[in-house]
């Protein structure tokens, strides 16, 4: 990704996960538009980027931490490969 695209992508993730408490339909649709896939578990979700199912971000279905959204955003951003 180019520098401008990286900033835009990161800003979109921050906006999407601000105040995260649980995964909504709107949030799952937005993640799908960005290229992420979701796998539903009993108590957690696994989020993959693209076709790579070796690396995942695992998030809680119901979070109690007020910083959970920003932490998920950071983890998802590191999951996406950066291209110069």
N, C-alpha and C. Protein backbone atom coordinates (compact mmCIF):
# COMPACT_ATOMS: atom_id res chain seq x y z
N UNK A 1 0.84 -1.19 0.00
CA UNK A 1 0.00 0.00 0.00
C UNK A 1 0.87 1.24 0.00
N UNK A 2 0.38 2.26 -0.63
CA UNK A 2 1.10 3.53 -0.61
C UNK A 2 0.84 4.23 0.72
N UNK A 3 1.66 5.24 1.00
CA UNK A 3 1.57 5.97 2.27
C UNK A 3 0.17 6.55 2.49
N UNK A 4 -0.41 7.17 1.47
CA UNK A 4 -1.74 7.78 1.60
C UNK A 4 -2.81 6.72 1.81
N UNK A 5 -2.68 5.60 1.10
CA UNK A 5 -3.65 4.52 1.26
C UNK A 5 -3.56 3.91 2.66
N UNK A 6 -2.35 3.80 3.18
CA UNK A 6 -2.18 3.25 4.52
C UNK A 6 -2.84 4.13 5.56
N UNK A 7 -2.66 5.45 5.44
CA UNK A 7 -3.29 6.37 6.38
C UNK A 7 -4.80 6.30 6.29
N UNK A 8 -5.32 6.26 5.07
CA UNK A 8 -6.76 6.18 4.87
C UNK A 8 -7.32 4.88 5.45
N UNK A 9 -6.62 3.77 5.20
CA UNK A 9 -7.04 2.46 5.71
C UNK A 9 -7.06 2.46 7.23
N UNK A 10 -6.01 3.01 7.81
CA UNK A 10 -5.92 3.05 9.27
C UNK A 10 -7.02 3.93 9.87
N UNK A 11 -7.31 5.07 9.23
CA UNK A 11 -8.37 5.95 9.70
C UNK A 11 -9.73 5.26 9.63
N UNK A 12 -9.98 4.51 8.55
CA UNK A 12 -11.24 3.79 8.42
C UNK A 12 -11.39 2.77 9.56
N UNK A 13 -10.31 2.05 9.86
CA UNK A 13 -10.37 1.08 10.96
C UNK A 13 -10.64 1.77 12.29
N UNK A 14 -9.98 2.90 12.53
CA UNK A 14 -10.19 3.61 13.79
C UNK A 14 -11.63 4.07 13.93
N UNK A 15 -12.20 4.58 12.87
CA UNK A 15 -13.59 5.05 12.90
C UNK A 15 -14.53 3.87 13.14
N UNK A 16 -14.27 2.75 12.48
CA UNK A 16 -15.14 1.59 12.61
C UNK A 16 -15.14 1.01 14.03
N UNK A 17 -13.97 0.98 14.67
CA UNK A 17 -13.86 0.32 15.97
C UNK A 17 -13.93 1.27 17.16
N UNK A 18 -14.21 2.52 16.94
CA UNK A 18 -14.33 3.47 18.05
C UNK A 18 -15.54 3.08 18.91
N UNK A 19 -15.30 2.86 20.18
CA UNK A 19 -16.38 2.49 21.10
C UNK A 19 -16.86 1.06 20.93
N UNK A 20 -16.02 0.17 20.45
CA UNK A 20 -16.39 -1.23 20.21
C UNK A 20 -16.83 -1.90 21.50
N UNK A 21 -17.99 -2.52 21.47
CA UNK A 21 -18.48 -3.35 22.58
C UNK A 21 -18.80 -4.76 22.09
N UNK A 22 -19.37 -4.85 20.89
CA UNK A 22 -19.63 -6.14 20.25
C UNK A 22 -19.72 -5.95 18.74
N UNK A 23 -19.61 -7.04 18.01
CA UNK A 23 -19.60 -6.99 16.56
C UNK A 23 -21.03 -6.86 16.04
N UNK A 24 -21.30 -5.80 15.31
CA UNK A 24 -22.63 -5.58 14.73
C UNK A 24 -22.62 -6.00 13.27
N UNK A 25 -23.80 -6.07 12.67
CA UNK A 25 -23.89 -6.40 11.25
C UNK A 25 -23.21 -5.34 10.40
N UNK A 26 -23.41 -4.09 10.79
CA UNK A 26 -22.81 -2.99 10.04
C UNK A 26 -21.28 -3.11 10.07
N UNK A 27 -20.72 -3.40 11.22
CA UNK A 27 -19.27 -3.52 11.36
C UNK A 27 -18.75 -4.72 10.57
N UNK A 28 -19.46 -5.83 10.59
CA UNK A 28 -19.01 -7.01 9.83
C UNK A 28 -19.08 -6.74 8.33
N UNK A 29 -20.10 -5.99 7.86
CA UNK A 29 -20.17 -5.62 6.45
C UNK A 29 -19.02 -4.70 6.05
N UNK A 30 -18.69 -3.75 6.93
CA UNK A 30 -17.59 -2.83 6.64
C UNK A 30 -16.26 -3.58 6.58
N UNK A 31 -16.07 -4.55 7.47
CA UNK A 31 -14.85 -5.35 7.44
C UNK A 31 -14.76 -6.16 6.15
N UNK A 32 -15.89 -6.70 5.71
CA UNK A 32 -15.90 -7.47 4.46
C UNK A 32 -15.55 -6.58 3.27
N UNK A 33 -16.00 -5.34 3.29
CA UNK A 33 -15.68 -4.41 2.20
C UNK A 33 -14.19 -4.10 2.16
N UNK A 34 -13.53 -4.13 3.30
CA UNK A 34 -12.10 -3.86 3.36
C UNK A 34 -11.25 -5.09 3.05
N UNK A 35 -11.89 -6.26 2.89
CA UNK A 35 -11.16 -7.46 2.51
C UNK A 35 -10.94 -8.45 3.64
N UNK A 36 -11.59 -8.26 4.77
CA UNK A 36 -11.45 -9.17 5.90
C UNK A 36 -12.54 -10.23 5.85
N UNK A 37 -12.25 -11.40 6.38
CA UNK A 37 -13.26 -12.45 6.52
C UNK A 37 -13.39 -12.81 8.00
N UNK A 38 -14.60 -13.12 8.41
CA UNK A 38 -14.89 -13.43 9.81
C UNK A 38 -15.23 -14.90 9.97
N UNK A 39 -14.75 -15.48 11.05
CA UNK A 39 -15.10 -16.84 11.40
C UNK A 39 -15.71 -16.80 12.80
N UNK A 40 -16.90 -17.31 12.92
CA UNK A 40 -17.65 -17.24 14.16
C UNK A 40 -17.31 -18.43 15.05
N UNK A 41 -16.93 -18.16 16.30
CA UNK A 41 -16.66 -19.21 17.28
C UNK A 41 -17.68 -19.12 18.41
N UNK A 42 -17.49 -19.88 19.47
CA UNK A 42 -18.44 -19.83 20.59
C UNK A 42 -18.36 -18.51 21.35
N UNK A 43 -17.16 -18.10 21.71
CA UNK A 43 -17.01 -16.89 22.51
C UNK A 43 -16.17 -15.82 21.84
N UNK A 44 -15.56 -16.16 20.70
CA UNK A 44 -14.69 -15.21 20.01
C UNK A 44 -14.92 -15.26 18.51
N UNK A 45 -14.45 -14.22 17.83
CA UNK A 45 -14.41 -14.19 16.38
C UNK A 45 -12.96 -14.27 15.94
N UNK A 46 -12.73 -14.89 14.80
CA UNK A 46 -11.41 -14.87 14.16
C UNK A 46 -11.55 -14.03 12.91
N UNK A 47 -10.64 -13.08 12.74
CA UNK A 47 -10.68 -12.20 11.58
C UNK A 47 -9.42 -12.46 10.76
N UNK A 48 -9.62 -12.77 9.49
CA UNK A 48 -8.52 -13.01 8.55
C UNK A 48 -8.54 -11.91 7.50
N UNK A 49 -7.38 -11.67 6.90
CA UNK A 49 -7.31 -10.72 5.80
C UNK A 49 -7.05 -11.46 4.50
N UNK A 50 -7.93 -11.31 3.54
CA UNK A 50 -7.77 -11.94 2.23
C UNK A 50 -7.83 -13.45 2.31
N UNK A 51 -6.97 -14.09 1.53
CA UNK A 51 -6.94 -15.54 1.45
C UNK A 51 -6.01 -16.18 2.48
N UNK A 52 -5.26 -15.38 3.22
CA UNK A 52 -4.30 -15.88 4.20
C UNK A 52 -5.02 -16.29 5.48
N UNK A 53 -5.19 -17.61 5.67
CA UNK A 53 -5.86 -18.10 6.88
C UNK A 53 -4.87 -18.64 7.89
N UNK A 54 -3.58 -18.30 7.73
CA UNK A 54 -2.59 -18.70 8.71
C UNK A 54 -2.46 -17.67 9.81
N UNK A 55 -2.74 -16.41 9.49
CA UNK A 55 -2.63 -15.33 10.47
C UNK A 55 -4.02 -14.78 10.74
N UNK A 56 -4.36 -14.65 11.99
CA UNK A 56 -5.69 -14.18 12.36
C UNK A 56 -5.60 -13.26 13.57
N UNK A 57 -6.62 -12.44 13.71
CA UNK A 57 -6.81 -11.63 14.91
C UNK A 57 -8.03 -12.20 15.60
N UNK A 58 -7.89 -12.52 16.86
CA UNK A 58 -8.99 -13.10 17.62
C UNK A 58 -9.55 -12.01 18.52
N UNK A 59 -10.87 -11.78 18.39
CA UNK A 59 -11.52 -10.75 19.20
C UNK A 59 -12.68 -11.36 19.98
N UNK A 60 -12.97 -10.76 21.10
CA UNK A 60 -14.04 -11.22 21.96
C UNK A 60 -15.40 -10.82 21.39
N UNK A 61 -16.40 -11.65 21.60
CA UNK A 61 -17.74 -11.29 21.14
C UNK A 61 -18.31 -10.13 21.94
N UNK A 62 -18.09 -10.14 23.23
CA UNK A 62 -18.54 -9.03 24.07
C UNK A 62 -17.36 -8.55 24.89
N UNK A 63 -16.90 -7.37 24.58
CA UNK A 63 -15.72 -6.84 25.25
C UNK A 63 -16.12 -5.97 26.43
N UNK A 64 -15.32 -6.00 27.47
CA UNK A 64 -15.59 -5.16 28.63
C UNK A 64 -14.56 -4.05 28.77
N UNK A 65 -13.50 -4.12 27.97
CA UNK A 65 -12.42 -3.14 28.04
C UNK A 65 -12.76 -1.93 27.17
N UNK A 66 -12.60 -0.74 27.68
CA UNK A 66 -12.93 0.45 26.90
C UNK A 66 -11.94 0.70 25.78
N UNK A 67 -10.74 0.11 25.84
CA UNK A 67 -9.74 0.28 24.79
C UNK A 67 -9.75 -0.88 23.78
N UNK A 68 -10.68 -1.78 23.90
CA UNK A 68 -10.70 -2.97 23.04
C UNK A 68 -10.77 -2.60 21.57
N UNK A 69 -11.57 -1.64 21.21
CA UNK A 69 -11.71 -1.25 19.82
C UNK A 69 -10.41 -0.76 19.22
N UNK A 70 -9.69 0.06 19.96
CA UNK A 70 -8.42 0.59 19.46
C UNK A 70 -7.34 -0.51 19.39
N UNK A 71 -7.38 -1.44 20.34
CA UNK A 71 -6.44 -2.56 20.31
C UNK A 71 -6.71 -3.47 19.11
N UNK A 72 -7.98 -3.73 18.81
CA UNK A 72 -8.34 -4.53 17.65
C UNK A 72 -7.90 -3.83 16.38
N UNK A 73 -8.11 -2.53 16.32
CA UNK A 73 -7.70 -1.73 15.17
C UNK A 73 -6.21 -1.89 14.92
N UNK A 74 -5.41 -1.79 15.94
CA UNK A 74 -3.96 -1.92 15.82
C UNK A 74 -3.58 -3.32 15.34
N UNK A 75 -4.23 -4.35 15.89
CA UNK A 75 -3.93 -5.72 15.49
C UNK A 75 -4.31 -5.97 14.04
N UNK A 76 -5.46 -5.46 13.63
CA UNK A 76 -5.88 -5.64 12.24
C UNK A 76 -4.95 -4.92 11.28
N UNK A 77 -4.49 -3.76 11.68
CA UNK A 77 -3.59 -3.00 10.81
C UNK A 77 -2.27 -3.74 10.60
N UNK A 78 -1.78 -4.42 11.63
CA UNK A 78 -0.55 -5.19 11.49
C UNK A 78 -0.77 -6.48 10.72
N UNK A 79 -2.01 -6.94 10.63
CA UNK A 79 -2.34 -8.16 9.89
C UNK A 79 -2.26 -7.94 8.39
N UNK A 80 -2.54 -6.71 7.95
CA UNK A 80 -2.56 -6.39 6.53
C UNK A 80 -1.11 -6.18 6.05
N UNK A 81 -0.73 -6.91 4.99
CA UNK A 81 0.63 -6.74 4.49
C UNK A 81 0.81 -5.36 3.85
N UNK A 82 1.92 -4.72 4.12
CA UNK A 82 2.22 -3.41 3.55
C UNK A 82 3.07 -3.58 2.30
N UNK A 83 2.65 -2.95 1.23
CA UNK A 83 3.40 -3.00 -0.02
C UNK A 83 3.95 -1.62 -0.32
N UNK A 84 5.25 -1.51 -0.65
CA UNK A 84 5.83 -0.20 -0.94
C UNK A 84 5.31 0.41 -2.22
